[in-house]
Amino acid sequence: MAWEQRKSKSYFYLHRRLPDGRKMKEYFGRGGDAHRESCFLQLRKFAKWTHQWALSELKAETQEADELLNSYSKNVSDFVTAEMLAVGYHNSRSRGWRKLMKKDMNSEKTMATGTAVSVNKEPLRSKGTTLKDGKNSKPQPSPASQTKASSTANLSAAAVKSQERSRPRISPAKAKLCRDAAEGFRHMSVTLPFDNASDSEIPDTVDAECPPPAKPVEEMSPEELIAAAVEGNAQAMDRLRPMMRKDPDHFSEIGDLGAITLDKWLDAHWSKNLYARECLKMHIEEMRAQHLAEGNSPIERLLVQEIVLSWLRHNFWSSREACSLQIKPGSQSIKFGMEQTRAAQRMYLKAIAELKNFRNVKPRLP
């Protein structure tokens, strides 16, 4: 604390840290200067707490959308890599997709078979000599092997003797008592206390643990119908099927990670201004149509969706950085926003590069 007790009076000391790392105390006494410095200290603490609270709110605002976008980007990259490896292309060190040579594949196969053979390889056995009459004589062990075998036998015998010495000894009377107790336990008839109990004596706790009765299918919302159909409710699926036929776009976006991520980033841009949200959505559709004009394969659609999502992220943090120029330059919120802007820009350029690399290799694909 800045106020320190000296006998029956309090004095104000301001703690400072010098540029060389040393700590010092500056004395202000207990007059007007002390109270003024105390008020300034409280204001600085409140400003620091305000900046930390603003930073935590800024991180929580886009945390879910960032996690969804990172997961979508990783899944798309893994899918594209698996598809290209399946058709015989590789992208070592991110230099672009190239045809996998046959010698590389053969070397990988020989390495795999070589490791398998080395694991299963057995040591060679010494063969016996063939006598003149055609009979094979047994191999004679060498003196070194005989010495080694005898030493191993001596060691094993010594280990067995040491175990027998360390084993605790039980008296004959105690051993007989243990055998009688085990025999009595084996033939003992165990009766549970509630086998012969009547119905009135059983505690009524089973009904309290049972789940409440399920809601009728006619009263369920679409989300509840989906949850019931996932659990295997046929009646819920019968009621849900006409809804899916009537509005297929709504139900197709339920399992689409890209559509869910797009909604999250649209909420981050404009959660209440529906007009601005719709304008941004129209601009996204135009951008998607321009990118898909050169090709509309499934992999290209996934990569274009990644480009659109990364563009939304970059646009969000760029606008935040432009609106926060009036804040103190050294604040943590400004630094965090600049870092997020650079990360979003790198992701956007990476997504464009992946689409370009794929389209360069697309004419050579089988």
Protein backbone atom coordinates (compact mmCIF):
# COMPACT_ATOMS: atom_id res chain seq x y z
CA MET A 1 0.00 0.00 0.00
CA ALA A 2 1.10 3.61 -0.60
CA TRP A 3 -0.06 4.78 2.83
CA GLU A 4 2.21 3.37 5.52
CA GLN A 5 1.61 3.41 9.25
CA ARG A 6 4.23 5.02 11.45
CA LYS A 7 3.20 4.66 15.09
CA SER A 8 -0.22 6.40 15.25
CA LYS A 9 0.01 8.39 11.95
CA SER A 10 -0.09 7.49 8.26
CA TYR A 11 2.33 8.79 5.66
CA PHE A 12 2.21 8.50 1.89
CA TYR A 13 5.08 6.80 0.03
CA LEU A 14 5.07 6.44 -3.74
CA HIS A 15 6.91 3.37 -5.00
CA ARG A 16 8.88 3.85 -8.21
CA ARG A 17 11.18 1.69 -10.31
CA LEU A 18 14.30 3.29 -11.77
CA PRO A 19 15.47 2.62 -15.36
CA ASP A 20 18.28 0.39 -14.07
CA GLY A 21 15.76 -1.88 -12.29
CA ARG A 22 16.18 -0.63 -8.73
CA LYS A 23 13.17 0.21 -6.54
CA MET A 24 12.82 3.40 -4.52
CA LYS A 25 10.28 5.14 -2.30
CA GLU A 26 9.37 8.79 -2.66
CA TYR A 27 8.09 10.45 0.50
CA PHE A 28 5.12 12.89 0.33
CA GLY A 29 4.19 13.15 3.99
CA ARG A 30 0.57 13.41 5.13
CA GLY A 31 -0.55 16.79 3.75
CA GLY A 32 -2.22 17.99 0.54
CA ASP A 33 0.53 16.68 -1.73
CA ALA A 34 0.15 13.23 -0.24
CA HIS A 35 -3.62 13.18 -0.83
CA ARG A 36 -3.21 14.53 -4.38
CA GLU A 37 -0.68 11.83 -5.27
CA SER A 38 -2.92 9.22 -3.68
CA CYS A 39 -5.83 10.31 -5.92
CA PHE A 40 -3.59 10.18 -9.01
CA LEU A 41 -2.48 6.70 -8.03
CA GLN A 42 -6.08 5.52 -7.78
CA LEU A 43 -6.89 7.04 -11.17
CA ARG A 44 -3.92 5.23 -12.76
CA LYS A 45 -5.03 1.95 -11.24
CA PHE A 46 -8.59 2.48 -12.51
CA ALA A 47 -7.29 3.30 -16.02
CA LYS A 48 -5.17 0.14 -16.02
CA TRP A 49 -8.14 -1.95 -14.93
CA THR A 50 -10.28 -0.33 -17.65
CA HIS A 51 -7.75 -1.20 -20.35
CA GLN A 52 -7.54 -4.79 -19.13
CA TRP A 53 -11.33 -5.09 -19.09
CA ALA A 54 -11.56 -3.64 -22.62
CA LEU A 55 -8.90 -6.10 -23.82
CA SER A 56 -10.74 -9.08 -22.31
CA GLU A 57 -14.00 -7.92 -23.90
CA LEU A 58 -12.26 -7.52 -27.26
CA LYS A 59 -10.82 -11.04 -27.06
CA ALA A 60 -14.15 -12.55 -26.04
CA GLU A 61 -15.99 -10.75 -28.85
CA THR A 62 -14.40 -12.81 -31.64
CA GLN A 63 -13.04 -15.80 -29.73
CA GLU A 64 -15.69 -18.25 -30.96
CA ALA A 65 -15.52 -16.97 -34.55
CA ASP A 66 -11.70 -17.21 -34.54
CA GLU A 67 -11.80 -20.78 -33.24
CA LEU A 68 -14.34 -21.81 -35.88
CA LEU A 69 -12.30 -20.19 -38.66
CA ASN A 70 -9.06 -21.85 -37.53
CA SER A 71 -10.81 -25.22 -37.35
CA TYR A 72 -12.32 -24.75 -40.82
CA SER A 73 -8.98 -23.71 -42.31
CA LYS A 74 -7.21 -26.73 -40.80
CA ASN A 75 -9.90 -29.13 -42.04
CA VAL A 76 -9.77 -27.70 -45.56
CA SER A 77 -5.96 -27.94 -45.66
CA ASP A 78 -6.06 -31.56 -44.48
CA PHE A 79 -8.74 -32.45 -47.03
CA VAL A 80 -6.84 -30.85 -49.93
CA THR A 81 -3.61 -32.57 -48.85
CA ALA A 82 -5.32 -35.96 -48.66
CA GLU A 83 -6.92 -35.53 -52.08
CA MET A 84 -3.65 -34.48 -53.73
CA LEU A 85 -1.68 -37.32 -52.12
CA ALA A 86 -4.31 -39.76 -53.34
CA VAL A 87 -3.77 -38.70 -56.97
CA GLY A 88 0.04 -38.83 -56.65
CA TYR A 89 1.09 -35.24 -55.79
CA HIS A 90 3.02 -33.90 -52.82
CA ASN A 91 3.80 -30.45 -51.42
CA SER A 92 7.03 -30.81 -49.47
CA ARG A 93 8.09 -27.66 -47.62
CA SER A 94 5.13 -25.75 -49.14
CA ARG A 95 6.89 -25.28 -52.48
CA GLY A 96 3.84 -26.15 -54.56
CA TRP A 97 2.18 -29.37 -55.67
CA ARG A 98 4.49 -31.65 -57.64
CA LYS A 99 4.14 -35.11 -59.12
CA LEU A 100 5.40 -37.83 -56.80
CA MET A 101 8.17 -39.71 -58.63
CA LYS A 102 8.12 -43.50 -58.80
CA LYS A 103 11.61 -43.85 -57.38
CA ASP A 104 10.51 -41.99 -54.26
CA MET A 105 7.60 -44.38 -53.86
CA ASN A 106 9.86 -47.41 -54.39
CA SER A 107 12.38 -46.09 -51.86
CA GLU A 108 9.61 -45.65 -49.31
CA LYS A 109 8.42 -49.22 -49.94
CA THR A 110 11.94 -50.66 -49.62
CA MET A 111 12.50 -48.73 -46.41
CA ALA A 112 9.25 -50.08 -44.97
CA THR A 113 10.04 -53.67 -45.98
CA GLY A 114 13.62 -53.34 -44.72
CA THR A 115 12.44 -52.27 -41.30
CA ALA A 116 9.94 -55.14 -41.18
CA VAL A 117 12.61 -57.69 -42.10
CA SER A 118 15.07 -56.31 -39.56
CA VAL A 119 12.44 -56.59 -36.85
CA ASN A 120 11.51 -60.19 -37.72
CA LYS A 121 15.04 -61.34 -38.40
CA GLU A 122 16.20 -64.23 -36.19
CA PRO A 123 19.80 -64.84 -35.14
CA LEU A 124 21.71 -67.40 -37.16
CA ARG A 125 22.24 -70.80 -35.59
CA SER A 126 25.54 -72.59 -35.76
CA LYS A 127 25.42 -75.59 -38.06
CA GLY A 128 26.91 -78.92 -37.23
CA THR A 129 29.62 -80.67 -39.22
CA THR A 130 28.81 -83.49 -41.66
CA LEU A 131 30.61 -86.78 -41.04
CA LYS A 132 31.74 -89.25 -43.68
CA ASP A 133 28.80 -91.56 -43.06
CA GLY A 134 26.33 -88.75 -43.83
CA LYS A 135 25.23 -88.07 -40.27
CA ASN A 136 25.26 -84.55 -38.87
CA SER A 137 27.07 -84.01 -35.63
CA LYS A 138 25.69 -81.62 -33.01
CA PRO A 139 27.44 -78.25 -32.79
CA GLN A 140 29.91 -78.09 -29.95
CA PRO A 141 29.59 -75.00 -27.76
CA SER A 142 32.68 -72.88 -27.40
CA PRO A 143 34.48 -72.51 -24.01
CA ALA A 144 33.36 -68.87 -23.76
CA SER A 145 29.69 -69.84 -24.22
CA GLN A 146 30.04 -72.61 -21.61
CA THR A 147 31.53 -70.15 -19.14
CA LYS A 148 28.73 -67.67 -19.84
CA ALA A 149 25.99 -70.32 -19.41
CA SER A 150 27.48 -71.54 -16.12
CA SER A 151 27.70 -67.99 -14.77
CA THR A 152 24.08 -67.35 -15.76
CA ALA A 153 22.94 -70.52 -14.02
CA ASN A 154 24.88 -69.58 -10.87
CA LEU A 155 23.29 -66.12 -10.89
CA SER A 156 19.77 -67.52 -11.32
CA ALA A 157 20.29 -69.99 -8.49
CA ALA A 158 21.60 -67.20 -6.25
CA ALA A 159 18.55 -65.06 -7.11
CA VAL A 160 16.14 -67.89 -6.21
CA LYS A 161 17.91 -68.45 -2.87
CA SER A 162 17.80 -64.74 -2.05
CA GLN A 163 14.04 -64.66 -2.80
CA GLU A 164 13.47 -67.63 -0.54
CA ARG A 165 15.41 -65.94 2.24
CA SER A 166 13.51 -62.67 1.89
CA ARG A 167 10.11 -64.42 1.87
CA PRO A 168 8.47 -64.17 5.31
CA ARG A 169 7.97 -67.48 7.12
CA ILE A 170 4.53 -68.46 8.49
CA SER A 171 4.11 -70.77 11.44
CA PRO A 172 2.12 -74.02 10.91
CA ALA A 173 -0.62 -72.89 13.32
CA LYS A 174 -1.12 -69.61 11.51
CA ALA A 175 -1.19 -71.36 8.11
CA LYS A 176 -3.89 -73.80 9.36
CA LEU A 177 -5.95 -70.88 10.69
CA CYS A 178 -5.79 -69.15 7.29
CA ARG A 179 -6.89 -72.32 5.47
CA ASP A 180 -9.87 -72.80 7.82
CA ALA A 181 -10.95 -69.16 7.35
CA ALA A 182 -10.78 -69.46 3.56
CA GLU A 183 -12.77 -72.73 3.60
CA GLY A 184 -15.46 -71.23 5.81
CA PHE A 185 -15.77 -68.17 3.58
CA ARG A 186 -16.13 -70.41 0.51
CA HIS A 187 -19.09 -72.34 1.97
CA MET A 188 -20.72 -69.37 3.66
CA SER A 189 -24.18 -68.41 2.32
CA VAL A 190 -24.54 -64.67 1.91
CA THR A 191 -28.05 -63.17 2.14
CA LEU A 192 -28.70 -59.63 1.09
CA PRO A 193 -30.81 -57.49 3.45
CA PHE A 194 -33.43 -56.61 0.82
CA ASP A 195 -34.10 -60.10 -0.56
CA ASN A 196 -37.00 -60.83 1.82
CA ALA A 197 -38.15 -57.23 2.23
CA SER A 198 -41.71 -56.28 1.45
CA ASP A 199 -42.74 -53.62 -1.05
CA SER A 200 -43.51 -51.12 1.71
CA GLU A 201 -39.98 -51.36 3.12
CA ILE A 202 -38.24 -50.48 -0.18
CA PRO A 203 -37.28 -46.77 -0.18
CA ASP A 204 -39.11 -44.69 -2.77
CA THR A 205 -36.03 -43.11 -4.38
CA VAL A 206 -36.21 -44.71 -7.80
CA ASP A 207 -39.05 -42.51 -9.04
CA ALA A 208 -37.18 -39.34 -8.13
CA GLU A 209 -34.18 -40.33 -10.26
CA CYS A 210 -36.23 -41.14 -13.38
CA PRO A 211 -36.18 -38.49 -16.12
CA PRO A 212 -39.34 -36.48 -16.78
CA PRO A 213 -41.66 -37.74 -19.53
CA ALA A 214 -40.70 -36.68 -23.06
CA LYS A 215 -42.53 -33.83 -24.75
CA PRO A 216 -45.03 -34.83 -27.46
CA VAL A 217 -43.67 -34.63 -30.99
CA GLU A 218 -46.39 -32.17 -32.01
CA GLU A 219 -45.17 -29.60 -29.45
CA MET A 220 -41.44 -29.82 -30.28
CA SER A 221 -39.51 -27.01 -31.97
CA PRO A 222 -37.31 -27.76 -35.03
CA GLU A 223 -34.20 -27.85 -32.84
CA GLU A 224 -35.85 -30.31 -30.45
CA LEU A 225 -37.03 -32.42 -33.38
CA ILE A 226 -33.47 -32.58 -34.71
CA ALA A 227 -32.15 -33.62 -31.28
CA ALA A 228 -34.83 -36.32 -30.98
CA ALA A 229 -34.12 -37.59 -34.51
CA VAL A 230 -30.42 -37.82 -33.67
CA GLU A 231 -31.34 -39.99 -30.69
CA GLY A 232 -33.34 -42.32 -32.97
CA ASN A 233 -36.92 -41.08 -32.57
CA ALA A 234 -38.79 -42.17 -35.72
CA GLN A 235 -41.86 -40.00 -35.01
CA ALA A 236 -39.67 -36.89 -34.76
CA MET A 237 -38.02 -37.76 -38.08
CA ASP A 238 -41.44 -38.22 -39.74
CA ARG A 239 -42.45 -34.75 -38.60
CA LEU A 240 -39.06 -33.25 -39.53
CA ARG A 241 -38.94 -34.66 -43.06
CA PRO A 242 -41.60 -32.30 -44.58
CA MET A 243 -39.81 -29.32 -43.01
CA MET A 244 -36.55 -30.39 -44.66
CA ARG A 245 -38.28 -30.72 -48.04
CA LYS A 246 -39.90 -27.29 -47.68
CA ASP A 247 -36.77 -25.36 -46.58
CA PRO A 248 -33.66 -27.34 -47.63
CA ASP A 249 -31.28 -24.36 -47.40
CA HIS A 250 -31.90 -23.91 -43.68
CA PHE A 251 -31.21 -27.55 -42.84
CA SER A 252 -28.23 -27.85 -45.19
CA GLU A 253 -26.39 -25.17 -43.20
CA ILE A 254 -26.78 -27.00 -39.87
CA GLY A 255 -23.82 -29.33 -40.44
CA ASP A 256 -21.84 -26.92 -42.64
CA LEU A 257 -18.90 -25.58 -40.64
CA GLY A 258 -18.25 -22.88 -43.26
CA ALA A 259 -21.82 -21.55 -43.06
CA ILE A 260 -21.72 -21.50 -39.25
CA THR A 261 -18.41 -19.63 -39.30
CA LEU A 262 -19.81 -17.16 -41.84
CA ASP A 263 -22.79 -16.39 -39.59
CA LYS A 264 -20.47 -15.83 -36.62
CA TRP A 265 -18.32 -13.34 -38.53
CA LEU A 266 -21.39 -11.54 -39.88
CA ASP A 267 -22.61 -11.22 -36.29
CA ALA A 268 -19.19 -9.85 -35.32
CA HIS A 269 -19.44 -7.20 -38.06
CA TRP A 270 -23.11 -6.28 -37.76
CA SER A 271 -25.15 -8.02 -35.09
CA LYS A 272 -28.00 -5.45 -34.90
CA ASN A 273 -27.78 -3.46 -38.15
CA LEU A 274 -29.61 -5.88 -40.43
CA TYR A 275 -29.35 -3.61 -43.47
CA ALA A 276 -25.54 -3.41 -43.27
CA ARG A 277 -25.42 -7.16 -42.62
CA GLU A 278 -27.42 -7.88 -45.78
CA CYS A 279 -25.24 -5.52 -47.85
CA LEU A 280 -22.11 -7.28 -46.60
CA LYS A 281 -23.67 -10.65 -47.40
CA MET A 282 -24.41 -9.53 -50.98
CA HIS A 283 -20.82 -8.36 -51.36
CA ILE A 284 -19.61 -11.77 -50.16
CA GLU A 285 -21.80 -13.53 -52.74
CA GLU A 286 -20.33 -11.36 -55.51
CA MET A 287 -16.80 -12.12 -54.32
CA ARG A 288 -17.56 -15.85 -54.22
CA ALA A 289 -19.02 -15.75 -57.74
CA GLN A 290 -15.92 -13.97 -59.08
CA HIS A 291 -13.57 -16.55 -57.56
CA LEU A 292 -15.68 -19.50 -58.77
CA ALA A 293 -15.86 -18.15 -62.35
CA GLU A 294 -12.51 -19.84 -63.13
CA GLY A 295 -13.49 -23.19 -61.64
CA ASN A 296 -16.28 -24.69 -59.56
CA SER A 297 -14.91 -28.02 -58.34
CA PRO A 298 -15.58 -29.17 -54.73
CA ILE A 299 -12.02 -28.39 -53.60
CA GLU A 300 -12.20 -24.93 -55.20
CA ARG A 301 -15.48 -24.21 -53.43
CA LEU A 302 -13.88 -25.08 -50.08
CA LEU A 303 -10.85 -22.90 -50.79
CA VAL A 304 -13.04 -19.98 -51.95
CA GLN A 305 -15.07 -20.26 -48.74
CA GLU A 306 -11.81 -20.07 -46.77
CA ILE A 307 -10.82 -16.94 -48.74
CA VAL A 308 -14.16 -15.30 -47.96
CA LEU A 309 -13.95 -16.09 -44.24
CA SER A 310 -10.35 -14.89 -43.93
CA TRP A 311 -11.30 -11.70 -45.80
CA LEU A 312 -14.10 -11.10 -43.30
CA ARG A 313 -11.67 -11.54 -40.41
CA HIS A 314 -9.10 -9.20 -41.96
CA ASN A 315 -11.77 -6.59 -42.73
CA PHE A 316 -13.09 -6.74 -39.16
CA TRP A 317 -9.72 -6.15 -37.49
CA SER A 318 -8.69 -3.51 -40.04
CA SER A 319 -11.84 -1.50 -39.32
CA ARG A 320 -11.28 -1.90 -35.57
CA GLU A 321 -7.71 -0.67 -35.93
CA ALA A 322 -8.90 2.36 -37.92
CA CYS A 323 -11.57 3.21 -35.33
CA SER A 324 -9.15 2.92 -32.38
CA LEU A 325 -6.67 5.60 -33.54
CA GLN A 326 -7.96 7.98 -30.86
CA ILE A 327 -6.96 5.58 -28.06
CA LYS A 328 -3.57 5.81 -26.43
CA PRO A 329 -1.03 4.28 -28.87
CA GLY A 330 0.71 2.17 -26.25
CA SER A 331 -2.43 0.48 -24.91
CA GLN A 332 -2.77 -3.28 -24.92
CA SER A 333 -5.97 -3.14 -27.01
CA ILE A 334 -4.13 -1.38 -29.86
CA LYS A 335 -1.29 -3.91 -29.77
CA PHE A 336 -3.71 -6.84 -29.72
CA GLY A 337 -5.68 -5.38 -32.63
CA MET A 338 -2.51 -4.88 -34.70
CA GLU A 339 -1.42 -8.47 -34.05
CA GLN A 340 -4.83 -9.79 -35.07
CA THR A 341 -4.79 -7.65 -38.23
CA ARG A 342 -1.41 -9.04 -39.29
CA ALA A 343 -2.48 -12.62 -38.51
CA ALA A 344 -5.72 -12.18 -40.51
CA GLN A 345 -3.77 -10.75 -43.45
CA ARG A 346 -1.37 -13.72 -43.43
CA MET A 347 -4.31 -16.14 -43.39
CA TYR A 348 -6.02 -14.30 -46.26
CA LEU A 349 -2.88 -14.35 -48.44
CA LYS A 350 -2.27 -18.01 -47.58
CA ALA A 351 -5.80 -18.96 -48.66
CA ILE A 352 -5.36 -17.13 -51.98
CA ALA A 353 -1.99 -18.86 -52.53
CA GLU A 354 -3.53 -22.30 -51.87
CA LEU A 355 -6.27 -21.67 -54.44
CA LYS A 356 -3.73 -20.45 -56.98
CA ASN A 357 -1.44 -23.45 -56.47
CA PHE A 358 -4.33 -25.86 -56.85
CA ARG A 359 -5.50 -24.22 -60.07
CA ASN A 360 -1.98 -24.39 -61.49
CA VAL A 361 -1.91 -28.15 -60.93
CA LYS A 362 -5.57 -28.79 -61.83
CA PRO A 363 -5.00 -29.25 -65.63
CA ARG A 364 -2.43 -32.00 -64.94
CA LEU A 365 -4.61 -33.96 -62.52
CA PRO A 366 -5.89 -37.36 -63.70
